[in-house]
N, C-alpha and C. Protein backbone atom coordinates (compact mmCIF):
# COMPACT_ATOMS: atom_id res chain seq x y z
N MET A 1 124.13 -25.56 109.50
CA MET A 1 123.30 -24.61 109.60
C MET A 1 123.46 -23.57 108.00
N PRO A 2 123.11 -22.94 108.10
CA PRO A 2 122.43 -22.45 106.54
C PRO A 2 123.13 -21.23 106.45
N HIS A 3 123.71 -20.43 105.27
CA HIS A 3 124.45 -19.92 105.13
C HIS A 3 123.49 -18.94 104.20
N VAL A 4 122.91 -17.71 104.76
CA VAL A 4 122.08 -16.44 104.33
C VAL A 4 122.41 -14.98 103.89
N GLU A 5 122.33 -14.38 103.46
CA GLU A 5 122.32 -12.92 103.61
C GLU A 5 121.65 -12.39 103.72
N VAL A 6 121.59 -11.07 104.06
CA VAL A 6 120.63 -9.49 104.37
C VAL A 6 121.47 -8.41 104.07
N ALA A 7 120.13 -8.16 102.54
CA ALA A 7 120.48 -7.16 102.07
C ALA A 7 119.85 -5.88 101.75
N TYR A 8 120.44 -4.81 102.80
CA TYR A 8 119.94 -3.47 102.45
C TYR A 8 120.68 -2.24 101.74
N ALA A 9 119.71 -1.62 101.24
CA ALA A 9 120.37 -0.11 100.28
C ALA A 9 119.54 0.96 100.34
N ARG A 10 120.40 1.57 100.32
CA ARG A 10 119.68 3.52 99.72
C ARG A 10 120.51 3.92 99.02
N PRO A 11 120.04 5.26 98.26
CA PRO A 11 120.43 5.81 96.92
C PRO A 11 122.23 5.30 97.19
N ASP A 12 122.62 6.38 98.32
CA ASP A 12 123.84 6.07 98.53
C ASP A 12 125.02 5.33 98.87
N LYS A 13 124.42 4.10 99.45
CA LYS A 13 124.46 3.11 100.24
C LYS A 13 124.35 1.44 100.10
N GLN A 14 124.63 0.17 99.86
CA GLN A 14 124.39 -1.05 99.45
C GLN A 14 125.15 -2.02 100.46
N GLU A 15 124.72 -2.62 101.15
CA GLU A 15 125.09 -3.68 101.93
C GLU A 15 124.68 -5.30 101.94
N ILE A 16 125.14 -5.97 101.56
CA ILE A 16 124.79 -7.35 101.57
C ILE A 16 125.25 -7.95 102.78
N VAL A 17 124.90 -8.60 103.79
CA VAL A 17 125.71 -9.11 105.32
C VAL A 17 125.94 -10.60 104.98
N PRO A 18 126.76 -11.91 104.85
CA PRO A 18 126.18 -12.76 104.90
C PRO A 18 126.46 -13.32 106.75
N VAL A 19 125.35 -14.25 106.63
CA VAL A 19 125.28 -14.65 108.25
C VAL A 19 124.51 -16.06 107.86
N THR A 20 125.58 -16.97 108.84
CA THR A 20 125.35 -18.26 109.34
C THR A 20 124.42 -18.40 110.58
N VAL A 21 123.11 -19.10 110.12
CA VAL A 21 122.15 -18.90 111.45
C VAL A 21 121.67 -20.49 111.51
N PRO A 22 121.31 -20.76 112.61
CA PRO A 22 120.88 -22.26 112.82
C PRO A 22 119.58 -22.43 112.16
N GLU A 23 119.01 -24.04 112.30
CA GLU A 23 118.48 -24.29 111.33
C GLU A 23 116.95 -23.86 112.25
N GLY A 24 116.75 -23.69 110.91
CA GLY A 24 114.61 -22.89 111.65
C GLY A 24 114.50 -21.43 111.78
N THR A 25 115.83 -20.80 111.61
CA THR A 25 116.22 -19.18 111.82
C THR A 25 114.81 -19.13 110.57
N THR A 26 113.96 -17.64 110.94
CA THR A 26 112.99 -17.26 110.35
C THR A 26 113.93 -15.83 109.68
N ALA A 27 113.17 -14.76 108.91
CA ALA A 27 114.59 -13.88 108.29
C ALA A 27 114.17 -13.06 109.37
N LEU A 28 113.02 -12.86 110.11
CA LEU A 28 113.29 -11.38 111.44
C LEU A 28 114.22 -11.77 111.84
N GLU A 29 114.67 -12.98 112.31
CA GLU A 29 115.65 -13.41 113.57
C GLU A 29 116.96 -13.32 112.56
N ALA A 30 116.97 -13.92 111.11
CA ALA A 30 118.20 -13.49 110.66
C ALA A 30 119.04 -11.89 110.60
N VAL A 31 117.92 -11.19 110.41
CA VAL A 31 118.18 -9.60 110.17
C VAL A 31 118.86 -9.06 111.37
N LYS A 32 118.09 -9.58 112.44
CA LYS A 32 118.66 -9.01 113.71
C LYS A 32 119.97 -9.55 114.07
N LEU A 33 120.30 -10.96 113.78
CA LEU A 33 121.78 -11.47 114.03
C LEU A 33 122.61 -10.97 112.94
N SER A 34 121.84 -10.41 111.71
CA SER A 34 123.21 -9.83 110.70
C SER A 34 123.74 -8.59 111.46
N GLY A 35 123.44 -7.80 112.27
CA GLY A 35 124.34 -6.48 112.45
C GLY A 35 123.70 -5.77 111.90
N ILE A 36 122.90 -5.51 110.77
CA ILE A 36 122.64 -4.68 109.63
C ILE A 36 122.42 -3.79 109.86
N VAL A 37 121.31 -3.15 111.50
CA VAL A 37 121.23 -2.33 111.99
C VAL A 37 122.53 -1.28 112.81
N GLY A 38 123.52 -1.85 112.89
CA GLY A 38 124.47 -1.36 113.30
C GLY A 38 125.11 -0.47 111.86
N ILE A 39 124.80 -0.88 110.80
CA ILE A 39 125.41 -0.44 109.82
C ILE A 39 124.74 0.67 108.83
N PHE A 40 122.80 0.14 108.99
CA PHE A 40 121.90 1.39 109.09
C PHE A 40 120.78 1.55 109.98
N PRO A 41 121.20 2.60 111.20
CA PRO A 41 120.15 2.67 112.17
C PRO A 41 119.13 2.88 112.08
N GLU A 42 118.56 3.36 110.28
CA GLU A 42 117.21 3.48 110.55
C GLU A 42 116.41 2.29 110.41
N VAL A 43 117.13 1.20 110.03
CA VAL A 43 116.17 -0.38 109.63
C VAL A 43 115.64 -0.46 111.67
N ASP A 44 114.20 -0.23 111.25
CA ASP A 44 113.52 -1.29 112.02
C ASP A 44 112.91 -2.44 111.46
N PRO A 45 113.76 -3.69 112.32
CA PRO A 45 113.69 -4.90 111.50
C PRO A 45 112.06 -5.47 111.93
N ASP A 46 111.69 -4.57 112.95
CA ASP A 46 110.63 -5.28 113.49
C ASP A 46 109.05 -4.71 112.58
N ALA A 47 109.38 -3.53 112.01
CA ALA A 47 108.46 -2.71 111.22
C ALA A 47 108.68 -2.91 109.65
N ILE A 48 109.87 -3.03 109.22
CA ILE A 48 110.41 -2.69 108.05
C ILE A 48 109.92 -4.21 107.09
N ASP A 49 109.62 -3.43 105.56
CA ASP A 49 108.75 -4.79 104.91
C ASP A 49 110.29 -5.90 104.39
N MET A 50 110.23 -7.05 104.19
CA MET A 50 110.97 -7.87 103.81
C MET A 50 110.61 -8.82 102.65
N GLY A 51 111.91 -9.41 102.10
CA GLY A 51 111.43 -10.54 100.85
C GLY A 51 112.60 -11.33 100.80
N ILE A 52 112.70 -12.72 100.07
CA ILE A 52 113.64 -13.62 99.75
C ILE A 52 113.94 -13.28 97.93
N PHE A 53 114.86 -12.57 97.46
CA PHE A 53 114.91 -12.60 96.64
C PHE A 53 114.07 -11.76 95.32
N GLY A 54 113.50 -10.68 96.21
CA GLY A 54 112.34 -10.01 95.45
C GLY A 54 111.34 -10.44 95.60
N LYS A 55 110.52 -11.41 96.43
CA LYS A 55 109.27 -11.68 96.61
C LYS A 55 109.03 -11.29 98.21
N VAL A 56 107.80 -10.55 98.28
CA VAL A 56 107.79 -10.14 99.51
C VAL A 56 107.06 -11.18 100.49
N ILE A 57 107.74 -11.06 102.15
CA ILE A 57 107.55 -12.10 103.01
C ILE A 57 106.28 -11.59 103.68
N LYS A 58 104.94 -12.30 104.02
CA LYS A 58 103.97 -11.43 104.64
C LYS A 58 104.56 -11.58 106.01
N ASP A 59 104.79 -12.40 106.81
CA ASP A 59 105.02 -12.51 107.77
C ASP A 59 106.43 -12.99 108.39
N PRO A 60 107.58 -11.87 108.08
CA PRO A 60 109.31 -12.55 108.49
C PRO A 60 109.23 -13.26 109.76
N ALA A 61 108.30 -13.36 110.39
CA ALA A 61 108.85 -13.70 112.54
C ALA A 61 108.19 -15.00 111.86
N ALA A 62 108.03 -15.48 111.10
CA ALA A 62 107.09 -16.93 111.19
C ALA A 62 108.05 -17.88 109.11
N HIS A 63 108.87 -16.75 108.52
CA HIS A 63 109.55 -17.46 107.30
C HIS A 63 110.74 -18.23 107.59
N GLU A 64 111.03 -19.16 107.79
CA GLU A 64 112.04 -20.18 107.97
C GLU A 64 112.81 -19.90 106.78
N LEU A 65 114.31 -19.97 106.93
CA LEU A 65 115.12 -19.48 106.13
C LEU A 65 115.70 -20.67 105.67
N ARG A 66 116.16 -20.82 104.26
CA ARG A 66 116.96 -21.96 103.81
C ARG A 66 118.33 -21.93 102.95
N GLU A 67 119.18 -23.00 103.30
CA GLU A 67 120.68 -21.93 102.58
C GLU A 67 120.54 -21.88 101.56
N GLY A 68 121.40 -20.65 101.31
CA GLY A 68 121.23 -19.79 100.45
C GLY A 68 120.55 -18.32 99.98
N ASP A 69 119.18 -18.42 100.81
CA ASP A 69 118.49 -17.27 101.00
C ASP A 69 118.96 -16.45 101.21
N ARG A 70 118.62 -14.92 100.08
CA ARG A 70 118.82 -13.51 100.71
C ARG A 70 117.42 -12.66 101.12
N VAL A 71 117.77 -12.28 102.35
CA VAL A 71 117.11 -11.72 102.78
C VAL A 71 116.60 -10.14 102.56
N GLU A 72 115.84 -9.40 101.47
CA GLU A 72 115.86 -8.02 101.26
C GLU A 72 115.16 -7.45 102.11
N LEU A 73 116.10 -6.38 102.33
CA LEU A 73 114.70 -5.25 103.69
C LEU A 73 115.05 -4.20 102.43
N TYR A 74 113.13 -3.72 102.66
CA TYR A 74 112.55 -2.50 101.58
C TYR A 74 112.48 -1.51 102.03
N ARG A 75 113.07 -0.56 101.81
CA ARG A 75 112.59 0.98 102.17
C ARG A 75 111.12 1.58 101.89
N PRO A 76 110.53 1.93 102.93
CA PRO A 76 109.38 2.34 102.27
C PRO A 76 109.34 3.53 101.05
N LEU A 77 108.12 3.26 100.35
CA LEU A 77 108.18 4.47 99.08
C LEU A 77 108.20 5.31 99.32
N LYS A 78 109.39 6.68 98.47
CA LYS A 78 108.56 8.07 99.36
C LYS A 78 107.34 8.72 98.65
N ILE A 79 107.17 8.00 97.38
CA ILE A 79 105.72 8.65 96.73
C ILE A 79 104.83 7.14 95.78
N ASP A 80 104.01 6.88 95.72
CA ASP A 80 103.42 5.73 95.21
C ASP A 80 103.23 5.65 93.72
N PRO A 81 103.68 4.87 93.46
CA PRO A 81 104.08 4.56 91.81
C PRO A 81 102.79 5.00 90.77
N LYS A 82 101.61 4.78 91.56
CA LYS A 82 100.77 5.83 90.16
C LYS A 82 101.02 6.83 90.32
N GLN A 83 100.49 7.40 91.26
CA GLN A 83 101.20 9.28 91.15
C GLN A 83 102.41 9.20 90.74
N ALA A 84 103.56 8.84 90.40
CA ALA A 84 104.92 9.20 89.85
C ALA A 84 104.43 8.98 88.98
N ARG A 85 103.81 7.84 87.90
CA ARG A 85 103.48 7.92 86.84
C ARG A 85 103.10 9.09 86.48
N LEU A 86 101.45 9.18 87.09
CA LEU A 86 101.09 10.63 86.65
C LEU A 86 101.57 11.97 86.26
N ASN A 87 103.20 11.74 87.55
CA ASN A 87 103.46 12.80 87.65
C ASN A 87 104.60 13.30 86.04
N ARG A 88 105.17 11.99 85.88
CA ARG A 88 105.98 12.30 84.56
C ARG A 88 105.35 12.46 83.50
N ALA A 89 103.77 11.91 83.28
CA ALA A 89 103.00 12.11 82.41
C ALA A 89 102.17 13.82 81.59
N LYS A 90 102.45 14.30 83.41
CA LYS A 90 102.01 15.91 83.01
C LYS A 90 103.32 15.99 82.77
N LYS A 91 104.14 15.73 83.16
CA LYS A 91 105.86 17.04 82.86
C LYS A 91 105.92 16.71 81.13
N LYS A 92 105.88 15.48 80.47
CA LYS A 92 105.80 15.29 79.12
C LYS A 92 105.01 16.58 78.50
N GLY A 93 104.05 16.21 78.90
CA GLY A 93 102.34 17.23 78.56
C GLY A 93 101.91 16.57 77.11
């Protein structure tokens, strides 16, 4: 049975939850098994973007995990990165 981690972070709180999952468990299933929604109720496993070690997974419901994988849950961006750069450039003037 593979050991994996599920990670989520807010500016005020981070959590990495270790989970032992059956062989063939997908990223989405591991997130649900981890109970991380109990810690961060705003997380919707069916809608949130996720990745493994910083690499985005296109289909978490089909991505099978391997021993040692860390599933990371990504918060939606508040502002488009290009817009943020533009705003910073304008401030510097």
